[in-house]
Amino acid sequence: MQTAINSSQATLKRSTLYGGVSARFVSFLVDTTLLMFCYTLFLYAASDNPDQLDSWKVIFAHEPLSLQEPLLMGKTLLLYLYFPVLHWLYYTICESSGKQATIGKYTLGLKVTDLRGKRISFAQANLRYFSKIISALPVFLGFLLLLSTRRKQSLHDYLARTIVVTN
């Protein structure tokens, strides 16, 4: 038996809104700031090299930097294995968790889903994370793909078969 819908009580179905460029970029900035804060705490807690503290003292003392200090900071960030591992774990665990988002995405009301709107698996989150390298290779053109697609998908979203939607 069908029931008639009263026109005064019409309901509007909210369509899924996809995460746009500005919201995704701001969430990236929030996540990057949070990760750099954690990296810094972890670096100073685990380090026995006093040169790292000296380079920050030079920056805050407004003395001119030599080429040695930025190279030391870059070497410290890139050569220690725990930085890329922490970055990888943060993104894959958060995006495959029940919240379906990193802290940056969650604060902006975004979440990562598969093409049917379901939670992504850990394997899918890994594929999405490592596909970001391919998105970044040709002058970040893979990220700019979201400007021209209907579902606002970047290249890594296409490869992992995921979308970023608003809550």
Protein backbone atom coordinates (compact mmCIF):
# COMPACT_ATOMS: atom_id res chain seq x y z
CA MET A 1 0.00 0.00 0.00
CA GLN A 2 1.43 3.35 -1.00
CA THR A 3 1.04 6.40 1.12
CA ALA A 4 0.59 9.83 -0.27
CA ILE A 5 3.15 12.45 0.63
CA ASN A 6 1.72 15.66 1.94
CA SER A 7 3.25 18.58 0.02
CA SER A 8 3.52 20.67 3.19
CA GLN A 9 5.79 18.04 4.73
CA ALA A 10 8.04 17.44 1.76
CA THR A 11 11.47 16.26 2.73
CA LEU A 12 14.59 17.27 0.96
CA LYS A 13 17.17 14.64 0.30
CA ARG A 14 20.61 16.03 0.93
CA SER A 15 22.95 15.10 -1.87
CA THR A 16 26.47 14.06 -1.07
CA LEU A 17 28.81 16.98 -1.30
CA TYR A 18 32.34 16.21 -2.29
CA GLY A 19 35.34 17.74 -0.55
CA GLY A 20 36.55 20.71 -2.56
CA VAL A 21 40.01 22.11 -3.12
CA SER A 22 39.98 24.68 -0.33
CA ALA A 23 38.68 22.33 2.37
CA ARG A 24 41.14 19.60 1.41
CA PHE A 25 44.05 22.06 1.33
CA VAL A 26 43.19 23.48 4.76
CA SER A 27 42.90 19.95 6.17
CA PHE A 28 46.33 19.20 4.69
CA LEU A 29 47.73 22.28 6.45
CA VAL A 30 46.18 21.22 9.77
CA ASP A 31 47.57 17.69 9.43
CA THR A 32 51.01 18.96 8.41
CA THR A 33 51.15 21.36 11.36
CA LEU A 34 50.14 18.60 13.75
CA LEU A 35 52.66 16.13 12.31
CA MET A 36 55.50 18.68 12.38
CA PHE A 37 54.72 19.40 16.02
CA CYS A 38 54.85 15.67 16.81
CA TYR A 39 58.04 15.26 14.75
CA THR A 40 59.70 18.08 16.67
CA LEU A 41 58.75 16.65 20.06
CA PHE A 42 59.88 13.19 19.06
CA LEU A 43 63.09 14.49 17.50
CA TYR A 44 64.17 16.43 20.57
CA ALA A 45 63.17 13.64 22.93
CA ALA A 46 65.09 10.99 21.00
CA SER A 47 68.09 13.06 19.95
CA ASP A 48 71.46 13.24 21.57
CA ASN A 49 72.83 15.68 19.00
CA PRO A 50 73.05 19.24 20.41
CA ASP A 51 73.55 20.73 16.91
CA GLN A 52 69.81 20.54 16.29
CA LEU A 53 69.06 22.81 19.23
CA ASP A 54 71.81 25.19 18.17
CA SER A 55 70.33 25.60 14.68
CA TRP A 56 66.97 26.60 16.14
CA LYS A 57 68.72 29.06 18.48
CA VAL A 58 70.33 30.70 15.42
CA ILE A 59 66.94 31.05 13.72
CA PHE A 60 65.29 32.63 16.74
CA ALA A 61 68.27 34.91 17.44
CA HIS A 62 67.83 36.51 13.96
CA GLU A 63 71.40 35.79 13.06
CA PRO A 64 72.12 35.00 9.43
CA LEU A 65 71.86 31.31 8.59
CA SER A 66 74.68 29.51 6.91
CA LEU A 67 74.02 26.70 4.51
CA GLN A 68 75.00 24.17 7.16
CA GLU A 69 71.95 24.69 9.43
CA PRO A 70 69.21 24.08 6.80
CA LEU A 71 71.14 21.08 5.50
CA LEU A 72 71.36 19.67 9.02
CA MET A 73 67.60 20.18 9.53
CA GLY A 74 66.79 18.59 6.17
CA LYS A 75 69.09 15.65 6.85
CA THR A 76 67.53 15.17 10.24
CA LEU A 77 63.99 15.16 8.84
CA LEU A 78 64.66 12.95 5.83
CA LEU A 79 67.17 10.39 7.04
CA TYR A 80 65.52 9.20 10.19
CA LEU A 81 63.21 6.33 9.40
CA TYR A 82 60.56 7.18 11.97
CA PHE A 83 59.44 10.35 10.16
CA PRO A 84 58.11 8.65 7.02
CA VAL A 85 56.79 5.73 9.07
CA LEU A 86 54.91 8.07 11.42
CA HIS A 87 53.52 9.99 8.43
CA TRP A 88 52.40 6.80 6.71
CA LEU A 89 50.82 5.35 9.85
CA TYR A 90 49.00 8.59 10.67
CA TYR A 91 47.30 8.81 7.29
CA THR A 92 46.51 5.13 6.75
CA ILE A 93 45.26 4.39 10.26
CA CYS A 94 43.16 7.55 10.51
CA GLU A 95 41.57 7.23 7.06
CA SER A 96 40.74 3.53 7.53
CA SER A 97 39.43 4.03 11.09
CA GLY A 98 35.82 4.48 12.12
CA LYS A 99 36.12 8.27 11.78
CA GLN A 100 37.33 7.80 8.18
CA ALA A 101 39.41 10.96 8.40
CA THR A 102 42.62 12.45 9.64
CA ILE A 103 42.35 15.09 12.34
CA GLY A 104 42.52 17.84 9.70
CA LYS A 105 39.76 16.29 7.61
CA TYR A 106 37.64 15.59 10.68
CA THR A 107 37.83 19.20 11.90
CA LEU A 108 36.60 20.37 8.50
CA GLY A 109 33.82 17.80 8.28
CA LEU A 110 35.42 15.66 5.57
CA LYS A 111 35.81 11.91 5.41
CA VAL A 112 37.33 9.39 3.01
CA THR A 113 35.00 6.72 1.65
CA ASP A 114 34.98 4.17 -1.11
CA LEU A 115 32.85 4.80 -4.20
CA ARG A 116 29.75 3.46 -2.43
CA GLY A 117 30.16 5.64 0.65
CA LYS A 118 31.51 2.84 2.86
CA ARG A 119 34.58 2.91 5.08
CA ILE A 120 37.83 2.14 3.25
CA SER A 121 40.02 -0.79 4.22
CA PHE A 122 43.58 -0.55 5.50
CA ALA A 123 44.82 -1.86 2.13
CA GLN A 124 42.83 0.83 0.30
CA ALA A 125 44.21 3.49 2.64
CA ASN A 126 47.74 2.24 1.88
CA LEU A 127 47.08 2.38 -1.85
CA ARG A 128 45.68 5.89 -1.48
CA TYR A 129 48.70 7.02 0.57
CA PHE A 130 51.37 5.63 -1.76
CA SER A 131 49.47 6.79 -4.87
CA LYS A 132 49.95 10.35 -3.64
CA ILE A 133 53.56 10.00 -4.77
CA ILE A 134 52.31 9.45 -8.32
CA SER A 135 49.95 12.42 -7.95
CA ALA A 136 52.86 14.64 -6.91
CA LEU A 137 55.37 13.55 -9.55
CA PRO A 138 54.40 15.57 -12.62
CA VAL A 139 54.33 19.00 -10.93
CA PHE A 140 51.38 18.06 -8.68
CA LEU A 141 49.11 17.58 -11.71
CA GLY A 142 47.50 14.55 -10.07
CA PHE A 143 46.23 16.79 -7.27
CA LEU A 144 44.95 19.41 -9.73
CA LEU A 145 42.79 16.75 -11.36
CA LEU A 146 40.17 17.36 -8.67
CA LEU A 147 39.42 20.76 -10.22
CA SER A 148 37.96 19.15 -13.31
CA THR A 149 36.22 16.01 -12.06
CA ARG A 150 32.60 15.68 -11.03
CA ARG A 151 33.34 13.91 -7.75
CA LYS A 152 36.40 16.08 -6.94
CA GLN A 153 38.78 13.13 -7.16
CA SER A 154 42.55 13.44 -7.40
CA LEU A 155 44.66 10.88 -9.22
CA HIS A 156 45.35 8.96 -6.00
CA ASP A 157 41.59 8.84 -5.33
CA TYR A 158 41.00 7.32 -8.77
CA LEU A 159 43.73 4.73 -8.25
CA ALA A 160 42.46 3.74 -4.79
CA ARG A 161 38.79 4.02 -5.84
CA THR A 162 38.00 6.50 -3.05
CA ILE A 163 36.25 9.85 -2.68
CA VAL A 164 36.40 12.60 -0.06
CA VAL A 165 32.93 13.69 1.05
CA THR A 166 31.51 16.12 3.59
CA ASN A 167 29.69 14.79 6.64
